[in-house]
PDB file of N, CA and C in Angstrom:
ATOM      1  N   UNK A   1      11.111  -5.291  16.700  1.00  0.00           N
ATOM      2  CA  UNK A   1      10.345  -4.325  17.274  1.00  0.00           C
ATOM      3  C   UNK A   1       8.876  -4.928  17.286  1.00  0.00           C
ATOM      4  N   UNK A   2       8.456  -5.695  16.497  1.00  0.00           N
ATOM      5  CA  UNK A   2       7.144  -6.344  16.546  1.00  0.00           C
ATOM      6  C   UNK A   2       7.001  -7.249  17.782  1.00  0.00           C
ATOM      7  N   UNK A   3       8.095  -8.036  18.160  1.00  0.00           N
ATOM      8  CA  UNK A   3       8.217  -8.968  19.322  1.00  0.00           C
ATOM      9  C   UNK A   3       7.998  -8.078  20.542  1.00  0.00           C
ATOM     10  N   UNK A   4       8.535  -6.936  20.678  1.00  0.00           N
ATOM     11  CA  UNK A   4       8.464  -6.100  21.789  1.00  0.00           C
ATOM     12  C   UNK A   4       6.995  -5.341  22.041  1.00  0.00           C
ATOM     13  N   UNK A   5       6.632  -4.776  20.733  1.00  0.00           N
ATOM     14  CA  UNK A   5       5.442  -3.914  21.013  1.00  0.00           C
ATOM     15  C   UNK A   5       4.239  -4.301  20.238  1.00  0.00           C
ATOM     16  N   UNK A   6       4.260  -5.484  19.608  1.00  0.00           N
ATOM     17  CA  UNK A   6       3.146  -6.012  18.984  1.00  0.00           C
ATOM     18  C   UNK A   6       3.001  -5.658  17.475  1.00  0.00           C
ATOM     19  N   UNK A   7       1.987  -6.114  16.953  1.00  0.00           N
ATOM     20  CA  UNK A   7       2.052  -5.943  15.495  1.00  0.00           C
ATOM     21  C   UNK A   7       1.726  -4.680  14.959  1.00  0.00           C
ATOM     22  N   UNK A   8       0.864  -3.662  16.006  1.00  0.00           N
ATOM     23  CA  UNK A   8       0.591  -2.438  15.560  1.00  0.00           C
ATOM     24  C   UNK A   8       1.604  -1.485  15.967  1.00  0.00           C
ATOM     25  N   UNK A   9       2.714  -1.956  16.451  1.00  0.00           N
ATOM     26  CA  UNK A   9       3.858  -1.161  16.976  1.00  0.00           C
ATOM     27  C   UNK A   9       3.402   0.030  17.586  1.00  0.00           C
ATOM     28  N   UNK A  10       2.471   0.003  18.778  1.00  0.00           N
ATOM     29  CA  UNK A  10       2.071   0.960  19.517  1.00  0.00           C
ATOM     30  C   UNK A  10       2.675   0.895  20.931  1.00  0.00           C
ATOM     31  N   UNK A  11       3.465   1.933  21.455  1.00  0.00           N
ATOM     32  CA  UNK A  11       4.225   1.920  22.447  1.00  0.00           C
ATOM     33  C   UNK A  11       3.790   3.133  23.397  1.00  0.00           C
ATOM     34  N   UNK A  12       2.924   2.819  24.314  1.00  0.00           N
ATOM     35  CA  UNK A  12       2.358   3.898  25.269  1.00  0.00           C
ATOM     36  C   UNK A  12       1.843   4.973  24.498  1.00  0.00           C
ATOM     37  N   UNK A  13       0.985   4.722  23.525  1.00  0.00           N
ATOM     38  CA  UNK A  13       0.179   5.420  22.756  1.00  0.00           C
ATOM     39  C   UNK A  13       0.897   6.105  21.503  1.00  0.00           C
ATOM     40  N   UNK A  14       2.162   5.884  21.521  1.00  0.00           N
ATOM     41  CA  UNK A  14       3.025   6.644  20.477  1.00  0.00           C
ATOM     42  C   UNK A  14       3.226   5.351  19.312  1.00  0.00           C
ATOM     43  N   UNK A  15       2.816   5.710  18.037  1.00  0.00           N
ATOM     44  CA  UNK A  15       3.066   4.782  16.940  1.00  0.00           C
ATOM     45  C   UNK A  15       4.523   4.895  16.454  1.00  0.00           C
ATOM     46  N   UNK A  16       4.975   3.566  16.413  1.00  0.00           N
ATOM     47  CA  UNK A  16       6.333   3.502  16.072  1.00  0.00           C
ATOM     48  C   UNK A  16       6.454   3.070  14.624  1.00  0.00           C
ATOM     49  N   UNK A  17       7.410   3.292  13.850  1.00  0.00           N
ATOM     50  CA  UNK A  17       7.644   3.016  12.523  1.00  0.00           C
ATOM     51  C   UNK A  17       8.501   1.742  12.371  1.00  0.00           C
ATOM     52  N   UNK A  18       8.045   0.596  11.701  1.00  0.00           N
ATOM     53  CA  UNK A  18       8.926  -0.502  11.387  1.00  0.00           C
ATOM     54  C   UNK A  18       9.786  -0.176  10.303  1.00  0.00           C
ATOM     55  N   UNK A  19      10.966  -0.066  10.396  1.00  0.00           N
ATOM     56  CA  UNK A  19      12.102   0.218   9.242  1.00  0.00           C
ATOM     57  C   UNK A  19      11.962  -0.823   8.203  1.00  0.00           C
ATOM     58  N   UNK A  20      11.765  -1.953   8.625  1.00  0.00           N
ATOM     59  CA  UNK A  20      11.727  -3.093   7.600  1.00  0.00           C
ATOM     60  C   UNK A  20      10.514  -2.951   6.582  1.00  0.00           C
ATOM     61  N   UNK A  21       9.338  -2.718   7.323  1.00  0.00           N
ATOM     62  CA  UNK A  21       8.106  -2.427   6.691  1.00  0.00           C
ATOM     63  C   UNK A  21       8.249  -1.277   5.717  1.00  0.00           C
ATOM     64  N   UNK A  22       8.797  -0.307   6.258  1.00  0.00           N
ATOM     65  CA  UNK A  22       8.924   1.030   5.469  1.00  0.00           C
ATOM     66  C   UNK A  22       9.734   0.917   4.269  1.00  0.00           C
ATOM     67  N   UNK A  23      10.907   0.147   4.367  1.00  0.00           N
ATOM     68  CA  UNK A  23      11.895  -0.167   3.459  1.00  0.00           C
ATOM     69  C   UNK A  23      11.119  -0.833   2.237  1.00  0.00           C
ATOM     70  N   UNK A  24      10.467  -1.977   2.688  1.00  0.00           N
ATOM     71  CA  UNK A  24       9.824  -2.718   1.576  1.00  0.00           C
ATOM     72  C   UNK A  24       8.580  -2.079   0.941  1.00  0.00           C
ATOM     73  N   UNK A  25       7.905  -1.253   1.721  1.00  0.00           N
ATOM     74  CA  UNK A  25       6.785  -0.406   1.115  1.00  0.00           C
ATOM     75  C   UNK A  25       7.432   0.581  -0.042  1.00  0.00           C
ATOM     76  N   UNK A  26       8.609   1.225   0.491  1.00  0.00           N
ATOM     77  CA  UNK A  26       9.007   2.240  -0.390  1.00  0.00           C
ATOM     78  C   UNK A  26       9.788   1.639  -1.638  1.00  0.00           C
ATOM     79  N   UNK A  27      10.316   0.468  -1.485  1.00  0.00           N
ATOM     80  CA  UNK A  27      10.970  -0.159  -2.483  1.00  0.00           C
ATOM     81  C   UNK A  27      10.011  -0.700  -3.808  1.00  0.00           C
ATOM     82  N   UNK A  28       8.876  -1.363  -3.014  1.00  0.00           N
ATOM     83  CA  UNK A  28       7.747  -1.811  -3.775  1.00  0.00           C
ATOM     84  C   UNK A  28       7.017  -0.542  -4.735  1.00  0.00           C
ATOM     85  N   UNK A  29       6.730   0.391  -4.034  1.00  0.00           N
ATOM     86  CA  UNK A  29       6.113   1.715  -4.621  1.00  0.00           C
ATOM     87  C   UNK A  29       7.029   2.257  -5.688  1.00  0.00           C
ATOM     88  N   UNK A  30       8.410   2.341  -5.419  1.00  0.00           N
ATOM     89  CA  UNK A  30       9.306   2.753  -6.669  1.00  0.00           C
ATOM     90  C   UNK A  30       9.298   1.724  -7.795  1.00  0.00           C
ATOM     91  N   UNK A  31       9.467   0.622  -7.502  1.00  0.00           N
ATOM     92  CA  UNK A  31       9.257  -0.375  -8.618  1.00  0.00           C
ATOM     93  C   UNK A  31       8.066  -0.300  -9.274  1.00  0.00           C
ATOM     94  N   UNK A  32       6.920  -0.128  -8.611  1.00  0.00           N
ATOM     95  CA  UNK A  32       5.615  -0.017  -9.339  1.00  0.00           C
ATOM     96  C   UNK A  32       5.582   1.299 -10.120  1.00  0.00           C
ATOM     97  N   UNK A  33       5.982   2.333  -9.501  1.00  0.00           N
ATOM     98  CA  UNK A  33       5.962   3.523 -10.337  1.00  0.00           C
ATOM     99  C   UNK A  33       6.777   3.313 -11.799  1.00  0.00           C
ATOM    100  N   UNK A  34       7.930   2.757 -11.703  1.00  0.00           N
ATOM    101  CA  UNK A  34       8.678   2.653 -12.866  1.00  0.00           C
ATOM    102  C   UNK A  34       7.991   1.679 -13.859  1.00  0.00           C
ATOM    103  N   UNK A  35       7.340   0.701 -13.334  1.00  0.00           N
ATOM    104  CA  UNK A  35       6.564  -0.271 -14.240  1.00  0.00           C
ATOM    105  C   UNK A  35       5.319   0.346 -14.810  1.00  0.00           C
ATOM    106  N   UNK A  36       4.586   1.122 -14.087  1.00  0.00           N
ATOM    107  CA  UNK A  36       3.476   1.974 -14.608  1.00  0.00           C
ATOM    108  C   UNK A  36       3.813   2.876 -15.740  1.00  0.00           C
ATOM    109  N   UNK A  37       4.954   3.549 -15.552  1.00  0.00           N
ATOM    110  CA  UNK A  37       5.478   4.583 -16.382  1.00  0.00           C
ATOM    111  C   UNK A  37       5.861   4.060 -17.786  1.00  0.00           C
ATOM    112  N   UNK A  38       6.476   2.884 -17.429  1.00  0.00           N
ATOM    113  CA  UNK A  38       7.126   2.064 -18.700  1.00  0.00           C
ATOM    114  C   UNK A  38       5.943   1.317 -19.556  1.00  0.00           C
ATOM    115  N   UNK A  39       5.051   0.723 -18.818  1.00  0.00           N
ATOM    116  CA  UNK A  39       4.099  -0.333 -19.513  1.00  0.00           C
ATOM    117  C   UNK A  39       2.759   0.527 -19.735  1.00  0.00           C
ATOM    118  N   UNK A  40       2.410   1.479 -18.804  1.00  0.00           N
ATOM    119  CA  UNK A  40       1.098   2.304 -19.123  1.00  0.00           C
ATOM    120  C   UNK A  40      -0.130   1.376 -19.308  1.00  0.00           C
ATOM    121  N   UNK A  41      -0.242   0.538 -18.184  1.00  0.00           N
ATOM    122  CA  UNK A  41      -1.378  -0.319 -18.250  1.00  0.00           C
ATOM    123  C   UNK A  41      -2.758   0.319 -18.302  1.00  0.00           C
ATOM    124  N   UNK A  42      -3.803  -0.314 -18.747  1.00  0.00           N
ATOM    125  CA  UNK A  42      -5.057   0.230 -18.611  1.00  0.00           C
ATOM    126  C   UNK A  42      -5.923  -0.202 -17.556  1.00  0.00           C
ATOM    127  N   UNK A  43      -5.570  -1.584 -17.073  1.00  0.00           N
ATOM    128  CA  UNK A  43      -6.306  -2.078 -15.967  1.00  0.00           C
ATOM    129  C   UNK A  43      -5.239  -2.655 -14.891  1.00  0.00           C
ATOM    130  N   UNK A  44      -5.538  -2.733 -13.777  1.00  0.00           N
ATOM    131  CA  UNK A  44      -4.844  -3.260 -12.632  1.00  0.00           C
ATOM    132  C   UNK A  44      -5.265  -4.287 -11.919  1.00  0.00           C
ATOM    133  N   UNK A  45      -4.878  -5.562 -11.641  1.00  0.00           N
ATOM    134  CA  UNK A  45      -5.377  -6.691 -10.822  1.00  0.00           C
ATOM    135  C   UNK A  45      -4.385  -6.741  -9.483  1.00  0.00           C
ATOM    136  N   UNK A  46      -5.134  -6.687  -8.467  1.00  0.00           N
ATOM    137  CA  UNK A  46      -4.437  -6.919  -7.111  1.00  0.00           C
ATOM    138  C   UNK A  46      -5.238  -8.087  -6.320  1.00  0.00           C
ATOM    139  N   UNK A  47      -4.258  -8.884  -5.517  1.00  0.00           N
ATOM    140  CA  UNK A  47      -4.794  -9.794  -4.887  1.00  0.00           C
ATOM    141  C   UNK A  47      -4.686  -9.651  -3.414  1.00  0.00           C
ATOM    142  N   UNK A  48      -4.427  -8.461  -2.868  1.00  0.00           N
ATOM    143  CA  UNK A  48      -4.730  -8.429  -1.396  1.00  0.00           C
ATOM    144  C   UNK A  48      -4.689  -6.957  -1.178  1.00  0.00           C
ATOM    145  N   UNK A  49      -5.030  -6.589   0.151  1.00  0.00           N
ATOM    146  CA  UNK A  49      -5.391  -5.232   0.539  1.00  0.00           C
ATOM    147  C   UNK A  49      -4.261  -4.442   0.624  1.00  0.00           C
ATOM    148  N   UNK A  50      -3.125  -4.991   1.006  1.00  0.00           N
ATOM    149  CA  UNK A  50      -1.762  -4.204   1.032  1.00  0.00           C
ATOM    150  C   UNK A  50      -1.245  -3.696  -0.382  1.00  0.00           C
ATOM    151  N   UNK A  51      -1.445  -4.657  -1.315  1.00  0.00           N
ATOM    152  CA  UNK A  51      -0.943  -4.354  -2.595  1.00  0.00           C
ATOM    153  C   UNK A  51      -2.007  -3.211  -3.247  1.00  0.00           C
ATOM    154  N   UNK A  52      -3.153  -3.357  -2.934  1.00  0.00           N
ATOM    155  CA  UNK A  52      -4.205  -2.393  -3.520  1.00  0.00           C
ATOM    156  C   UNK A  52      -3.879  -1.125  -2.912  1.00  0.00           C
ATOM    157  N   UNK A  53      -3.613  -0.975  -1.638  1.00  0.00           N
ATOM    158  CA  UNK A  53      -3.240   0.318  -0.985  1.00  0.00           C
ATOM    159  C   UNK A  53      -2.038   0.886  -1.516  1.00  0.00           C
ATOM    160  N   UNK A  54      -1.015   0.295  -1.839  1.00  0.00           N
ATOM    161  CA  UNK A  54       0.176   0.692  -2.467  1.00  0.00           C
ATOM    162  C   UNK A  54      -0.101   1.208  -3.870  1.00  0.00           C
ATOM    163  N   UNK A  55      -0.863   0.418  -4.645  1.00  0.00           N
ATOM    164  CA  UNK A  55      -1.158   0.708  -5.953  1.00  0.00           C
ATOM    165  C   UNK A  55      -2.007   2.098  -6.053  1.00  0.00           C
ATOM    166  N   UNK A  56      -3.028   2.178  -5.171  1.00  0.00           N
ATOM    167  CA  UNK A  56      -3.936   3.292  -5.104  1.00  0.00           C
ATOM    168  C   UNK A  56      -3.030   4.560  -4.741  1.00  0.00           C
ATOM    169  N   UNK A  57      -1.934   4.410  -3.777  1.00  0.00           N
ATOM    170  CA  UNK A  57      -1.071   5.648  -3.525  1.00  0.00           C
ATOM    171  C   UNK A  57      -0.320   6.018  -4.495  1.00  0.00           C
ATOM    172  N   UNK A  58       0.286   5.101  -5.253  1.00  0.00           N
ATOM    173  CA  UNK A  58       1.290   5.129  -6.313  1.00  0.00           C
ATOM    174  C   UNK A  58       0.405   5.962  -7.466  1.00  0.00           C
ATOM    175  N   UNK A  59      -0.750   5.389  -7.803  1.00  0.00           N
ATOM    176  CA  UNK A  59      -1.447   6.037  -9.043  1.00  0.00           C
ATOM    177  C   UNK A  59      -1.862   7.423  -8.473  1.00  0.00           C
ATOM    178  N   UNK A  60      -2.110   7.696  -7.351  1.00  0.00           N
ATOM    179  CA  UNK A  60      -2.658   9.177  -7.023  1.00  0.00           C
ATOM    180  C   UNK A  60      -1.252  10.043  -7.049  1.00  0.00           C
ATOM    181  N   UNK A  61      -0.102   9.534  -6.614  1.00  0.00           N
ATOM    182  CA  UNK A  61       1.076  10.265  -6.872  1.00  0.00           C
ATOM    183  C   UNK A  61       1.286  10.585  -8.255  1.00  0.00           C
ATOM    184  N   UNK A  62       1.216   9.700  -9.274  1.00  0.00           N
ATOM    185  CA  UNK A  62       1.508   9.712 -10.571  1.00  0.00           C
ATOM    186  C   UNK A  62       0.361  10.333 -11.290  1.00  0.00           C
ATOM    187  N   UNK A  63      -0.828  10.626 -10.713  1.00  0.00           N
ATOM    188  CA  UNK A  63      -2.003  11.197 -11.143  1.00  0.00           C
ATOM    189  C   UNK A  63      -2.526  10.221 -12.398  1.00  0.00           C
ATOM    190  N   UNK A  64      -2.381   9.017 -12.346  1.00  0.00           N
ATOM    191  CA  UNK A  64      -2.616   7.963 -13.238  1.00  0.00           C
ATOM    192  C   UNK A  64      -3.788   7.285 -12.759  1.00  0.00           C
ATOM    193  N   UNK A  65      -5.036   7.560 -13.653  1.00  0.00           N
ATOM    194  CA  UNK A  65      -6.329   7.152 -13.164  1.00  0.00           C
ATOM    195  C   UNK A  65      -6.704   6.003 -14.066  1.00  0.00           C
ATOM    196  N   UNK A  66      -6.653   4.693 -13.716  1.00  0.00           N
ATOM    197  CA  UNK A  66      -7.156   3.675 -14.387  1.00  0.00           C
ATOM    198  C   UNK A  66      -7.867   2.699 -13.398  1.00  0.00           C
ATOM    199  N   UNK A  67      -8.410   1.555 -14.178  1.00  0.00           N
ATOM    200  CA  UNK A  67      -9.505   0.648 -13.500  1.00  0.00           C
ATOM    201  C   UNK A  67      -8.508  -0.142 -12.498  1.00  0.00           C
ATOM    202  N   UNK A  68      -8.942  -0.473 -11.308  1.00  0.00           N
ATOM    203  CA  UNK A  68      -8.367  -1.208 -10.430  1.00  0.00           C
ATOM    204  C   UNK A  68      -9.379  -2.516 -10.101  1.00  0.00           C
ATOM    205  N   UNK A  69      -8.887  -3.553 -10.359  1.00  0.00           N
ATOM    206  CA  UNK A  69      -9.871  -4.749  -9.918  1.00  0.00           C
ATOM    207  C   UNK A  69      -9.137  -5.429  -8.811  1.00  0.00           C
ATOM    208  N   UNK A  70      -9.496  -5.500  -7.473  1.00  0.00           N
ATOM    209  CA  UNK A  70      -8.864  -5.982  -6.467  1.00  0.00           C
ATOM    210  C   UNK A  70      -9.630  -7.309  -6.066  1.00  0.00           C
ATOM    211  N   UNK A  71      -8.976  -8.339  -5.909  1.00  0.00           N
ATOM    212  CA  UNK A  71      -9.529  -9.671  -5.525  1.00  0.00           C
ATOM    213  C   UNK A  71      -9.329  -9.854  -4.095  1.00  0.00           C
ATOM    214  N   UNK A  72     -10.211  -9.180  -3.281  1.00  0.00           N
ATOM    215  CA  UNK A  72     -10.120  -9.170  -1.814  1.00  0.00           C
ATOM    216  C   UNK A  72     -11.703  -9.488  -1.365  1.00  0.00           C
ATOM    217  N   UNK A  73     -11.699 -10.092  -0.315  1.00  0.00           N
ATOM    218  CA  UNK A  73     -13.039 -10.298   0.386  1.00  0.00           C
ATOM    219  C   UNK A  73     -13.600  -9.203   1.118  1.00  0.00           C
ATOM    220  N   UNK A  74     -13.743  -8.059   0.533  1.00  0.00           N
ATOM    221  CA  UNK A  74     -14.383  -6.797   1.185  1.00  0.00           C
ATOM    222  C   UNK A  74     -14.031  -5.684   0.380  1.00  0.00           C
ATOM    223  N   UNK A  75     -14.426  -4.530   0.550  1.00  0.00           N
ATOM    224  CA  UNK A  75     -14.155  -3.250   0.015  1.00  0.00           C
ATOM    225  C   UNK A  75     -12.906  -2.591   0.250  1.00  0.00           C
ATOM    226  N   UNK A  76     -11.905  -2.636  -0.669  1.00  0.00           N
ATOM    227  CA  UNK A  76     -10.526  -2.409  -0.499  1.00  0.00           C
ATOM    228  C   UNK A  76     -10.379  -0.972   0.167  1.00  0.00           C
ATOM    229  N   UNK A  77     -11.060   0.144  -0.194  1.00  0.00           N
ATOM    230  CA  UNK A  77     -11.219   1.493   0.231  1.00  0.00           C
ATOM    231  C   UNK A  77     -11.593   1.504   1.649  1.00  0.00           C
ATOM    232  N   UNK A  78     -12.456   0.570   1.992  1.00  0.00           N
ATOM    233  CA  UNK A  78     -12.795   0.548   3.505  1.00  0.00           C
ATOM    234  C   UNK A  78     -11.864  -0.182   4.332  1.00  0.00           C
ATOM    235  N   UNK A  79     -10.890  -1.337   3.786  1.00  0.00           N
ATOM    236  CA  UNK A  79      -9.950  -1.975   4.518  1.00  0.00           C
ATOM    237  C   UNK A  79      -8.779  -1.207   4.570  1.00  0.00           C
ATOM    238  N   UNK A  80      -8.506  -0.307   3.646  1.00  0.00           N
ATOM    239  CA  UNK A  80      -7.292   0.393   3.751  1.00  0.00           C
ATOM    240  C   UNK A  80      -7.366   1.804   4.300  1.00  0.00           C
ATOM    241  N   UNK A  81      -8.775   2.171   4.760  1.00  0.00           N
ATOM    242  CA  UNK A  81      -9.205   3.520   5.275  1.00  0.00           C
ATOM    243  C   UNK A  81      -8.215   3.669   6.742  1.00  0.00           C
ATOM    244  N   UNK A  82      -7.646   4.741   6.768  1.00  0.00           N
ATOM    245  CA  UNK A  82      -7.010   5.045   8.187  1.00  0.00           C
ATOM    246  C   UNK A  82      -7.460   6.543   8.592  1.00  0.00           C
ATOM    247  N   UNK A  83      -7.871   6.706   9.702  1.00  0.00           N
ATOM    248  CA  UNK A  83      -8.335   7.967  10.237  1.00  0.00           C
ATOM    249  C   UNK A  83      -7.283   8.818  10.792  1.00  0.00           C
ATOM    250  N   UNK A  84      -7.137   9.862  10.601  1.00  0.00           N
ATOM    251  CA  UNK A  84      -5.994  10.658  11.038  1.00  0.00           C
ATOM    252  C   UNK A  84      -6.094  11.106  12.734  1.00  0.00           C
TER     253      UNK A  84
END
């Protein structure tokens, strides 16, 4: 799909969903939820924007508020912000 429509998967103004990316995001989020509920960490360390975004989404779903240290070159909230 990316080969045909580019990285953003935008086809004539309609955003397409990459099934492979959606599967890996979902699988990573589910495993992360299980780990958080099992280990109950006090601090999270992330190494890239995508991991930070998934972590923040999972923590919001679980209503689990802890410290997140993101090793990114920029503000993760700004980098993961999407407008509707």
